[in-house]
Amino acid sequence: MEIYLDTCFLTAWVKRALENEDLESLGSVKFLNETPEIVSFISSLTGAETIRTVLHGKEFKDHVKNFRIDSQYIIDLVNDIQNTAKFEYIRGIFPDANQKNGKPLEIKGKKIFLDRLILTKQLPKYLEICSHLIDCIHVDIAMQNGLIFVTNERKLGKLKTLIPDEKKIMTFKKLRKQFIKGN
């Protein structure tokens, strides 16, 4: 099963990492690591949205101030989290100032290809239904790549209007239930 993780998961993991919690012991990370049938993905949009949330979100205000966090620190932290949570990147959403002549940006030896936003045929249709551009782009990335979109309870209802097929969108709780022995 291949899934696309909504930004809320990465943001929560970043917060836990900033609070010096052991990510490997978190239920969600542990579950993903112990369930080889699941391959999880995020996109460079997820990374960009996480940077924005950490640098400008109220819940991270003290962390940014006290630890002088900048975007490079967050990128490095996300890469560390990637090694722990073992998710894969879907590349190609936003241009990057460090990218020259279409060559990939290299972060810790990993080539990250960043490209312009690609307007697919479905994205305008999603925008007709939902006014939240970022959510529509995440859904479009998941659907274009044949992935199941995993989000939280709060956003599920809104996003189900974009993905009416219940097999293509779910909460992490529902995902976990599918792999609990006895079901």
N, C-alpha and C. Protein backbone atom coordinates (compact mmCIF):
# COMPACT_ATOMS: atom_id res chain seq x y z
N MET A 1 0.85 -1.18 0.00
CA MET A 1 0.00 0.00 0.00
C MET A 1 0.90 1.24 0.00
N GLU A 2 0.63 2.13 -0.93
CA GLU A 2 1.40 3.37 -1.03
C GLU A 2 0.53 4.54 -0.61
N ILE A 3 1.07 5.33 0.33
CA ILE A 3 0.27 6.44 0.88
C ILE A 3 1.02 7.76 0.75
N TYR A 4 0.23 8.83 0.70
CA TYR A 4 0.76 10.19 0.70
C TYR A 4 0.36 10.82 2.02
N LEU A 5 1.35 11.23 2.80
CA LEU A 5 1.08 11.80 4.12
C LEU A 5 0.83 13.30 4.03
N ASP A 6 -0.27 13.74 4.60
CA ASP A 6 -0.58 15.16 4.67
C ASP A 6 0.48 15.85 5.54
N THR A 7 0.64 17.14 5.37
CA THR A 7 1.65 17.91 6.07
C THR A 7 1.51 17.84 7.59
N CYS A 8 0.31 17.64 8.09
CA CYS A 8 0.09 17.62 9.54
C CYS A 8 0.97 16.58 10.23
N PHE A 9 1.30 15.49 9.55
CA PHE A 9 2.14 14.47 10.16
C PHE A 9 3.59 14.94 10.28
N LEU A 10 4.12 15.49 9.20
CA LEU A 10 5.50 15.97 9.23
C LEU A 10 5.65 17.12 10.23
N THR A 11 4.68 18.01 10.25
CA THR A 11 4.73 19.14 11.19
C THR A 11 4.71 18.65 12.63
N ALA A 12 3.90 17.66 12.92
CA ALA A 12 3.85 17.09 14.28
C ALA A 12 5.18 16.43 14.63
N TRP A 13 5.78 15.73 13.67
CA TRP A 13 7.06 15.09 13.93
C TRP A 13 8.16 16.12 14.15
N VAL A 14 8.12 17.22 13.39
CA VAL A 14 9.10 18.30 13.59
C VAL A 14 8.95 18.88 14.99
N LYS A 15 7.71 19.10 15.40
CA LYS A 15 7.48 19.66 16.75
C LYS A 15 8.04 18.73 17.81
N ARG A 16 7.78 17.45 17.68
CA ARG A 16 8.30 16.48 18.65
C ARG A 16 9.82 16.46 18.65
N ALA A 17 10.42 16.55 17.46
CA ALA A 17 11.89 16.56 17.37
C ALA A 17 12.45 17.81 18.04
N LEU A 18 11.79 18.95 17.86
CA LEU A 18 12.24 20.19 18.50
C LEU A 18 12.13 20.10 20.02
N GLU A 19 11.23 19.26 20.49
CA GLU A 19 11.05 19.07 21.94
C GLU A 19 11.88 17.89 22.44
N ASN A 20 12.82 17.45 21.61
CA ASN A 20 13.77 16.37 21.94
C ASN A 20 13.11 15.04 22.27
N GLU A 21 11.96 14.77 21.66
CA GLU A 21 11.33 13.47 21.85
C GLU A 21 11.94 12.46 20.89
N ASP A 22 11.96 11.23 21.28
CA ASP A 22 12.47 10.15 20.46
C ASP A 22 11.42 9.80 19.41
N LEU A 23 11.68 10.14 18.16
CA LEU A 23 10.69 9.92 17.10
C LEU A 23 10.41 8.45 16.85
N GLU A 24 11.40 7.61 17.02
CA GLU A 24 11.21 6.18 16.77
C GLU A 24 10.19 5.56 17.72
N SER A 25 9.98 6.20 18.88
CA SER A 25 9.02 5.66 19.83
C SER A 25 7.60 6.20 19.61
N LEU A 26 7.44 7.20 18.74
CA LEU A 26 6.11 7.72 18.44
C LEU A 26 5.29 6.64 17.75
N GLY A 27 4.03 6.53 18.14
CA GLY A 27 3.17 5.49 17.58
C GLY A 27 3.10 5.51 16.07
N SER A 28 2.94 6.69 15.47
CA SER A 28 2.80 6.77 14.01
C SER A 28 4.08 6.36 13.30
N VAL A 29 5.22 6.83 13.77
CA VAL A 29 6.50 6.48 13.15
C VAL A 29 6.79 5.00 13.35
N LYS A 30 6.57 4.52 14.56
CA LYS A 30 6.80 3.10 14.87
C LYS A 30 5.93 2.21 13.97
N PHE A 31 4.66 2.59 13.83
CA PHE A 31 3.74 1.82 12.99
C PHE A 31 4.23 1.77 11.54
N LEU A 32 4.62 2.92 10.99
CA LEU A 32 5.10 2.96 9.61
C LEU A 32 6.37 2.12 9.44
N ASN A 33 7.26 2.19 10.41
CA ASN A 33 8.51 1.44 10.33
C ASN A 33 8.29 -0.07 10.48
N GLU A 34 7.27 -0.45 11.24
CA GLU A 34 7.01 -1.87 11.50
C GLU A 34 6.02 -2.48 10.51
N THR A 35 5.57 -1.71 9.53
CA THR A 35 4.59 -2.21 8.56
C THR A 35 5.19 -2.11 7.16
N PRO A 36 5.93 -3.13 6.76
CA PRO A 36 6.62 -3.07 5.47
C PRO A 36 5.68 -3.01 4.26
N GLU A 37 4.42 -3.34 4.46
CA GLU A 37 3.45 -3.28 3.36
C GLU A 37 3.11 -1.84 2.98
N ILE A 38 3.49 -0.90 3.85
CA ILE A 38 3.18 0.51 3.59
C ILE A 38 4.44 1.24 3.16
N VAL A 39 4.33 1.94 2.06
CA VAL A 39 5.39 2.85 1.60
C VAL A 39 4.78 4.24 1.66
N SER A 40 5.39 5.13 2.45
CA SER A 40 4.82 6.47 2.62
C SER A 40 5.63 7.50 1.86
N PHE A 41 4.91 8.51 1.36
CA PHE A 41 5.50 9.58 0.56
C PHE A 41 5.08 10.94 1.11
N ILE A 42 5.96 11.91 0.92
CA ILE A 42 5.61 13.32 1.06
C ILE A 42 6.14 13.99 -0.20
N SER A 43 5.81 15.26 -0.39
CA SER A 43 6.31 15.99 -1.55
C SER A 43 7.15 17.17 -1.08
N SER A 44 7.81 17.80 -2.04
CA SER A 44 8.55 19.01 -1.68
C SER A 44 7.58 20.10 -1.22
N LEU A 45 6.33 20.03 -1.65
CA LEU A 45 5.31 20.96 -1.13
C LEU A 45 5.11 20.73 0.36
N THR A 46 5.11 19.48 0.79
CA THR A 46 4.98 19.16 2.20
C THR A 46 6.13 19.79 2.99
N GLY A 47 7.34 19.66 2.45
CA GLY A 47 8.50 20.27 3.09
C GLY A 47 8.38 21.78 3.16
N ALA A 48 7.96 22.40 2.05
CA ALA A 48 7.81 23.85 2.01
C ALA A 48 6.73 24.32 2.99
N GLU A 49 5.64 23.60 3.04
CA GLU A 49 4.55 23.95 3.95
C GLU A 49 5.00 23.79 5.41
N THR A 50 5.81 22.80 5.67
CA THR A 50 6.35 22.60 7.02
C THR A 50 7.26 23.76 7.40
N ILE A 51 8.12 24.18 6.48
CA ILE A 51 8.99 25.33 6.75
C ILE A 51 8.15 26.55 7.09
N ARG A 52 7.12 26.81 6.28
CA ARG A 52 6.24 27.96 6.54
C ARG A 52 5.57 27.86 7.90
N THR A 53 5.06 26.68 8.22
CA THR A 53 4.35 26.49 9.49
C THR A 53 5.29 26.70 10.68
N VAL A 54 6.49 26.16 10.60
CA VAL A 54 7.43 26.29 11.71
C VAL A 54 7.89 27.74 11.86
N LEU A 55 8.25 28.38 10.77
CA LEU A 55 8.78 29.74 10.85
C LEU A 55 7.72 30.78 11.19
N HIS A 56 6.45 30.52 10.82
CA HIS A 56 5.42 31.55 10.98
C HIS A 56 4.21 31.12 11.80
N GLY A 57 4.18 29.87 12.25
CA GLY A 57 3.05 29.38 13.01
C GLY A 57 3.14 29.74 14.49
N LYS A 58 2.01 30.02 15.08
CA LYS A 58 1.95 30.40 16.50
C LYS A 58 2.52 29.31 17.41
N GLU A 59 2.23 28.06 17.09
CA GLU A 59 2.66 26.96 17.97
C GLU A 59 4.17 26.76 17.98
N PHE A 60 4.89 27.34 17.01
CA PHE A 60 6.35 27.20 16.94
C PHE A 60 7.07 28.50 17.30
N LYS A 61 6.34 29.53 17.66
CA LYS A 61 6.91 30.86 17.91
C LYS A 61 8.08 30.81 18.90
N ASP A 62 7.88 30.14 20.03
CA ASP A 62 8.94 30.06 21.04
C ASP A 62 10.15 29.27 20.56
N HIS A 63 9.91 28.18 19.82
CA HIS A 63 11.02 27.39 19.30
C HIS A 63 11.88 28.23 18.35
N VAL A 64 11.23 28.96 17.46
CA VAL A 64 11.96 29.77 16.49
C VAL A 64 12.77 30.85 17.19
N LYS A 65 12.15 31.47 18.18
CA LYS A 65 12.82 32.55 18.91
C LYS A 65 13.97 32.01 19.76
N ASN A 66 13.73 30.98 20.54
CA ASN A 66 14.73 30.46 21.47
C ASN A 66 15.88 29.73 20.80
N PHE A 67 15.61 29.06 19.69
CA PHE A 67 16.64 28.26 19.04
C PHE A 67 17.14 28.87 17.74
N ARG A 68 16.65 30.05 17.41
CA ARG A 68 17.05 30.75 16.17
C ARG A 68 16.97 29.82 14.96
N ILE A 69 15.81 29.26 14.79
CA ILE A 69 15.56 28.32 13.71
C ILE A 69 15.39 29.07 12.39
N ASP A 70 16.04 28.56 11.35
CA ASP A 70 15.86 29.11 10.02
C ASP A 70 15.45 27.97 9.08
N SER A 71 15.23 28.30 7.82
CA SER A 71 14.75 27.29 6.88
C SER A 71 15.75 26.14 6.69
N GLN A 72 17.04 26.43 6.68
CA GLN A 72 18.03 25.36 6.50
C GLN A 72 18.00 24.38 7.68
N TYR A 73 17.80 24.91 8.87
CA TYR A 73 17.70 24.05 10.05
C TYR A 73 16.51 23.09 9.89
N ILE A 74 15.40 23.62 9.40
CA ILE A 74 14.19 22.80 9.23
C ILE A 74 14.42 21.76 8.13
N ILE A 75 15.06 22.15 7.04
CA ILE A 75 15.37 21.19 5.96
C ILE A 75 16.22 20.05 6.51
N ASP A 76 17.25 20.38 7.28
CA ASP A 76 18.11 19.35 7.88
C ASP A 76 17.32 18.45 8.83
N LEU A 77 16.44 19.06 9.61
CA LEU A 77 15.61 18.31 10.55
C LEU A 77 14.66 17.37 9.80
N VAL A 78 14.05 17.86 8.73
CA VAL A 78 13.16 17.02 7.92
C VAL A 78 13.93 15.84 7.33
N ASN A 79 15.15 16.09 6.88
CA ASN A 79 15.96 14.99 6.35
C ASN A 79 16.28 13.96 7.44
N ASP A 80 16.55 14.43 8.65
CA ASP A 80 16.77 13.51 9.77
C ASP A 80 15.50 12.71 10.07
N ILE A 81 14.37 13.39 10.02
CA ILE A 81 13.09 12.72 10.26
C ILE A 81 12.84 11.70 9.15
N GLN A 82 13.20 12.05 7.92
CA GLN A 82 13.03 11.11 6.80
C GLN A 82 13.81 9.83 7.06
N ASN A 83 15.00 9.95 7.60
CA ASN A 83 15.79 8.75 7.91
C ASN A 83 15.13 7.92 9.00
N THR A 84 14.45 8.56 9.92
CA THR A 84 13.78 7.85 11.01
C THR A 84 12.44 7.28 10.56
N ALA A 85 11.61 8.11 9.91
CA ALA A 85 10.27 7.68 9.52
C ALA A 85 10.24 6.95 8.18
N LYS A 86 11.34 6.99 7.47
CA LYS A 86 11.51 6.24 6.22
C LYS A 86 10.43 6.54 5.17
N PHE A 87 10.14 7.83 4.99
CA PHE A 87 9.24 8.20 3.90
C PHE A 87 10.05 8.58 2.68
N GLU A 88 9.39 8.58 1.54
CA GLU A 88 10.03 8.93 0.27
C GLU A 88 9.54 10.31 -0.17
N TYR A 89 10.35 10.98 -0.97
CA TYR A 89 9.96 12.28 -1.53
C TYR A 89 9.41 12.12 -2.94
N ILE A 90 8.32 12.82 -3.22
CA ILE A 90 7.86 13.02 -4.59
C ILE A 90 8.43 14.38 -4.96
N ARG A 91 9.18 14.41 -6.02
CA ARG A 91 9.91 15.63 -6.36
C ARG A 91 9.16 16.46 -7.39
N GLY A 92 9.43 17.78 -7.36
CA GLY A 92 8.99 18.63 -8.45
C GLY A 92 7.79 19.48 -8.17
N ILE A 93 7.87 20.41 -7.23
CA ILE A 93 6.75 21.29 -6.97
C ILE A 93 7.16 22.75 -7.10
N PHE A 94 8.12 23.20 -6.36
CA PHE A 94 8.48 24.62 -6.34
C PHE A 94 9.90 24.86 -6.84
N PRO A 95 10.12 25.99 -7.53
CA PRO A 95 11.50 26.33 -7.89
C PRO A 95 12.26 26.72 -6.63
N ASP A 96 13.56 26.59 -6.69
CA ASP A 96 14.38 26.90 -5.51
C ASP A 96 15.50 27.84 -5.93
N ALA A 97 15.80 28.81 -5.10
CA ALA A 97 16.84 29.79 -5.41
C ALA A 97 18.21 29.13 -5.57
N ASN A 98 18.43 27.99 -4.95
CA ASN A 98 19.71 27.31 -5.03
C ASN A 98 19.85 26.43 -6.27
N GLN A 99 18.76 26.27 -7.00
CA GLN A 99 18.77 25.39 -8.16
C GLN A 99 19.23 26.18 -9.39
N LYS A 100 20.25 25.71 -10.05
CA LYS A 100 20.81 26.40 -11.22
C LYS A 100 20.64 25.51 -12.45
N ASN A 101 20.11 26.09 -13.51
CA ASN A 101 20.01 25.40 -14.80
C ASN A 101 19.39 24.02 -14.73
N GLY A 102 18.37 23.84 -13.91
CA GLY A 102 17.68 22.56 -13.84
C GLY A 102 18.42 21.46 -13.12
N LYS A 103 19.56 21.76 -12.54
CA LYS A 103 20.30 20.74 -11.80
C LYS A 103 19.66 20.56 -10.43
N PRO A 104 19.70 19.34 -9.89
CA PRO A 104 19.07 19.13 -8.58
C PRO A 104 19.83 19.80 -7.44
N LEU A 105 19.09 20.21 -6.45
CA LEU A 105 19.66 20.70 -5.21
C LEU A 105 20.12 19.48 -4.43
N GLU A 106 21.27 19.54 -3.81
CA GLU A 106 21.75 18.39 -3.06
C GLU A 106 21.74 18.72 -1.57
N ILE A 107 21.02 17.92 -0.81
CA ILE A 107 20.93 18.09 0.64
C ILE A 107 21.44 16.80 1.26
N LYS A 108 22.54 16.91 1.98
CA LYS A 108 23.15 15.74 2.62
C LYS A 108 23.34 14.58 1.65
N GLY A 109 23.82 14.90 0.46
CA GLY A 109 24.10 13.87 -0.53
C GLY A 109 22.89 13.35 -1.27
N LYS A 110 21.70 13.80 -0.91
CA LYS A 110 20.49 13.34 -1.59
C LYS A 110 20.08 14.39 -2.60
N LYS A 111 19.88 13.97 -3.83
CA LYS A 111 19.48 14.90 -4.88
C LYS A 111 17.98 15.13 -4.80
N ILE A 112 17.61 16.38 -4.63
CA ILE A 112 16.22 16.77 -4.57
C ILE A 112 15.92 17.60 -5.80
N PHE A 113 15.04 17.13 -6.65
CA PHE A 113 14.68 17.86 -7.86
C PHE A 113 13.48 18.75 -7.55
N LEU A 114 13.66 20.02 -7.72
CA LEU A 114 12.59 20.96 -7.47
C LEU A 114 12.24 21.62 -8.80
N ASP A 115 10.99 21.70 -9.10
CA ASP A 115 10.56 22.18 -10.39
C ASP A 115 9.38 23.12 -10.21
N ARG A 116 8.88 23.63 -11.29
CA ARG A 116 7.73 24.52 -11.21
C ARG A 116 6.47 23.72 -10.93
N LEU A 117 5.48 24.40 -10.42
CA LEU A 117 4.19 23.77 -10.18
C LEU A 117 3.59 23.36 -11.52
N ILE A 118 3.16 22.15 -11.61
CA ILE A 118 2.57 21.66 -12.85
C ILE A 118 1.06 21.68 -12.69
N LEU A 119 0.40 22.43 -13.56
CA LEU A 119 -1.05 22.52 -13.51
C LEU A 119 -1.64 21.33 -14.27
N THR A 120 -2.17 20.39 -13.54
CA THR A 120 -2.77 19.22 -14.17
C THR A 120 -4.22 19.52 -14.52
N LYS A 121 -4.83 18.63 -15.26
CA LYS A 121 -6.23 18.82 -15.65
C LYS A 121 -7.17 18.76 -14.44
N GLN A 122 -6.78 17.97 -13.42
CA GLN A 122 -7.64 17.79 -12.25
C GLN A 122 -7.59 18.96 -11.28
N LEU A 123 -6.44 19.63 -11.17
CA LEU A 123 -6.29 20.68 -10.16
C LEU A 123 -7.36 21.76 -10.27
N PRO A 124 -7.66 22.31 -11.46
CA PRO A 124 -8.74 23.30 -11.51
C PRO A 124 -10.09 22.75 -11.03
N LYS A 125 -10.34 21.48 -11.30
CA LYS A 125 -11.59 20.86 -10.84
C LYS A 125 -11.63 20.78 -9.32
N TYR A 126 -10.48 20.44 -8.71
CA TYR A 126 -10.41 20.41 -7.25
C TYR A 126 -10.66 21.81 -6.68
N LEU A 127 -10.12 22.82 -7.35
CA LEU A 127 -10.28 24.20 -6.87
C LEU A 127 -11.71 24.68 -6.99
N GLU A 128 -12.49 24.11 -7.90
CA GLU A 128 -13.91 24.46 -8.00
C GLU A 128 -14.66 23.98 -6.76
N ILE A 129 -14.18 22.90 -6.17
CA ILE A 129 -14.85 22.28 -5.02
C ILE A 129 -14.32 22.82 -3.70
N CYS A 130 -13.02 23.06 -3.61
CA CYS A 130 -12.37 23.44 -2.36
C CYS A 130 -11.51 24.68 -2.60
N SER A 131 -11.64 25.68 -1.75
CA SER A 131 -10.91 26.93 -1.94
C SER A 131 -9.50 26.90 -1.36
N HIS A 132 -9.11 25.83 -0.72
CA HIS A 132 -7.79 25.74 -0.10
C HIS A 132 -6.78 25.20 -1.10
N LEU A 133 -6.02 26.11 -1.71
CA LEU A 133 -5.09 25.76 -2.78
C LEU A 133 -4.11 24.66 -2.38
N ILE A 134 -3.49 24.81 -1.21
CA ILE A 134 -2.48 23.82 -0.79
C ILE A 134 -3.10 22.43 -0.66
N ASP A 135 -4.27 22.35 -0.05
CA ASP A 135 -4.94 21.05 0.07
C ASP A 135 -5.23 20.45 -1.31
N CYS A 136 -5.68 21.30 -2.23
CA CYS A 136 -5.97 20.82 -3.59
C CYS A 136 -4.71 20.30 -4.27
N ILE A 137 -3.61 20.99 -4.07
CA ILE A 137 -2.35 20.54 -4.68
C ILE A 137 -1.91 19.21 -4.07
N HIS A 138 -2.02 19.08 -2.74
CA HIS A 138 -1.66 17.80 -2.10
C HIS A 138 -2.52 16.66 -2.65
N VAL A 139 -3.81 16.89 -2.75
CA VAL A 139 -4.71 15.86 -3.29
C VAL A 139 -4.31 15.52 -4.72
N ASP A 140 -4.01 16.54 -5.51
CA ASP A 140 -3.62 16.32 -6.90
C ASP A 140 -2.33 15.49 -6.98
N ILE A 141 -1.36 15.80 -6.14
CA ILE A 141 -0.11 15.04 -6.12
C ILE A 141 -0.39 13.57 -5.79
N ALA A 142 -1.20 13.35 -4.76
CA ALA A 142 -1.53 11.98 -4.37
C ALA A 142 -2.25 11.24 -5.49
N MET A 143 -3.24 11.87 -6.09
CA MET A 143 -4.03 11.21 -7.13
C MET A 143 -3.20 10.98 -8.39
N GLN A 144 -2.36 11.93 -8.77
CA GLN A 144 -1.52 11.78 -9.97
C GLN A 144 -0.52 10.63 -9.81
N ASN A 145 -0.15 10.34 -8.58
CA ASN A 145 0.82 9.29 -8.31
C ASN A 145 0.18 7.99 -7.83
N GLY A 146 -1.15 7.92 -7.85
CA GLY A 146 -1.85 6.70 -7.47
C GLY A 146 -1.69 6.33 -6.00
N LEU A 147 -1.60 7.36 -5.14
CA LEU A 147 -1.38 7.13 -3.71
C LEU A 147 -2.66 7.36 -2.92
N ILE A 148 -2.76 6.70 -1.79
CA ILE A 148 -3.87 6.93 -0.86
C ILE A 148 -3.50 8.14 -0.01
N PHE A 149 -4.39 9.11 0.07
CA PHE A 149 -4.14 10.34 0.82
C PHE A 149 -4.50 10.11 2.28
N VAL A 150 -3.53 10.29 3.17
CA VAL A 150 -3.75 10.10 4.60
C VAL A 150 -3.68 11.45 5.29
N THR A 151 -4.75 11.81 5.98
CA THR A 151 -4.85 13.10 6.64
C THR A 151 -5.39 12.91 8.05
N ASN A 152 -5.67 14.01 8.73
CA ASN A 152 -6.21 13.90 10.08
C ASN A 152 -7.73 14.02 10.07
N GLU A 153 -8.34 13.74 11.21
CA GLU A 153 -9.81 13.76 11.33
C GLU A 153 -10.39 15.13 10.97
N ARG A 154 -9.69 16.19 11.38
CA ARG A 154 -10.19 17.55 11.19
C ARG A 154 -10.37 17.89 9.70
N LYS A 155 -9.48 17.43 8.85
CA LYS A 155 -9.53 17.78 7.44
C LYS A 155 -10.23 16.74 6.57
N LEU A 156 -10.51 15.58 7.13
CA LEU A 156 -11.05 14.47 6.34
C LEU A 156 -12.35 14.85 5.63
N GLY A 157 -13.29 15.43 6.35
CA GLY A 157 -14.59 15.76 5.76
C GLY A 157 -14.48 16.69 4.56
N LYS A 158 -13.66 17.73 4.71
CA LYS A 158 -13.47 18.69 3.63
C LYS A 158 -12.83 18.02 2.42
N LEU A 159 -11.82 17.20 2.66
CA LEU A 159 -11.09 16.59 1.56
C LEU A 159 -11.83 15.44 0.90
N LYS A 160 -12.79 14.85 1.61
CA LYS A 160 -13.60 13.78 1.01
C LYS A 160 -14.43 14.33 -0.15
N THR A 161 -14.69 15.64 -0.16
CA THR A 161 -15.41 16.22 -1.30
C THR A 161 -14.54 16.19 -2.55
N LEU A 162 -13.22 16.18 -2.37
CA LEU A 162 -12.31 16.11 -3.51
C LEU A 162 -12.03 14.67 -3.93
N ILE A 163 -12.06 13.76 -2.95
CA ILE A 163 -11.76 12.35 -3.20
C ILE A 163 -12.94 11.52 -2.68
N PRO A 164 -13.97 11.37 -3.48
CA PRO A 164 -15.15 10.63 -3.00
C PRO A 164 -14.92 9.13 -2.79
N ASP A 165 -13.90 8.57 -3.44
CA ASP A 165 -13.60 7.14 -3.28
C ASP A 165 -12.94 6.93 -1.92
N GLU A 166 -13.66 6.29 -1.00
CA GLU A 166 -13.16 6.10 0.37
C GLU A 166 -11.91 5.24 0.45
N LYS A 167 -11.58 4.53 -0.61
CA LYS A 167 -10.35 3.73 -0.63
C LYS A 167 -9.14 4.60 -0.94
N LYS A 168 -9.36 5.85 -1.37
CA LYS A 168 -8.27 6.74 -1.78
C LYS A 168 -7.95 7.82 -0.75
N ILE A 169 -8.74 7.89 0.33
CA ILE A 169 -8.50 8.88 1.38
C ILE A 169 -8.88 8.27 2.72
N MET A 170 -8.07 8.52 3.73
CA MET A 170 -8.38 7.99 5.06
C MET A 170 -7.57 8.72 6.13
N THR A 171 -7.96 8.47 7.36
CA THR A 171 -7.18 8.99 8.49
C THR A 171 -6.10 7.97 8.84
N PHE A 172 -5.15 8.40 9.63
CA PHE A 172 -4.10 7.50 10.08
C PHE A 172 -4.69 6.39 10.94
N LYS A 173 -5.71 6.75 11.71
CA LYS A 173 -6.37 5.77 12.57
C LYS A 173 -6.98 4.63 11.74
N LYS A 174 -7.64 4.99 10.64
CA LYS A 174 -8.22 3.97 9.77
C LYS A 174 -7.13 3.14 9.10
N LEU A 175 -6.05 3.79 8.69
CA LEU A 175 -4.92 3.08 8.09
C LEU A 175 -4.38 2.03 9.06
N ARG A 176 -4.19 2.45 10.30
CA ARG A 176 -3.64 1.55 11.31
C ARG A 176 -4.58 0.37 11.56
N LYS A 177 -5.89 0.63 11.60
CA LYS A 177 -6.87 -0.44 11.83
C LYS A 177 -6.80 -1.52 10.76
N GLN A 178 -6.48 -1.12 9.53
CA GLN A 178 -6.39 -2.09 8.45
C GLN A 178 -5.27 -3.09 8.65
N PHE A 179 -4.29 -2.74 9.47
CA PHE A 179 -3.13 -3.62 9.65
C PHE A 179 -3.08 -4.27 11.04
N ILE A 180 -4.05 -3.97 11.87
CA ILE A 180 -4.11 -4.61 13.18
C ILE A 180 -4.54 -6.06 13.00
N LYS A 181 -3.82 -6.95 13.61
CA LYS A 181 -4.12 -8.38 13.49
C LYS A 181 -5.54 -8.66 13.97
N GLY A 182 -6.24 -9.52 13.25
CA GLY A 182 -7.59 -9.89 13.63
C GLY A 182 -8.64 -9.17 12.82
N ASN A 183 -8.24 -8.17 12.03
CA ASN A 183 -9.22 -7.45 11.18
C ASN A 183 -9.26 -8.02 9.80
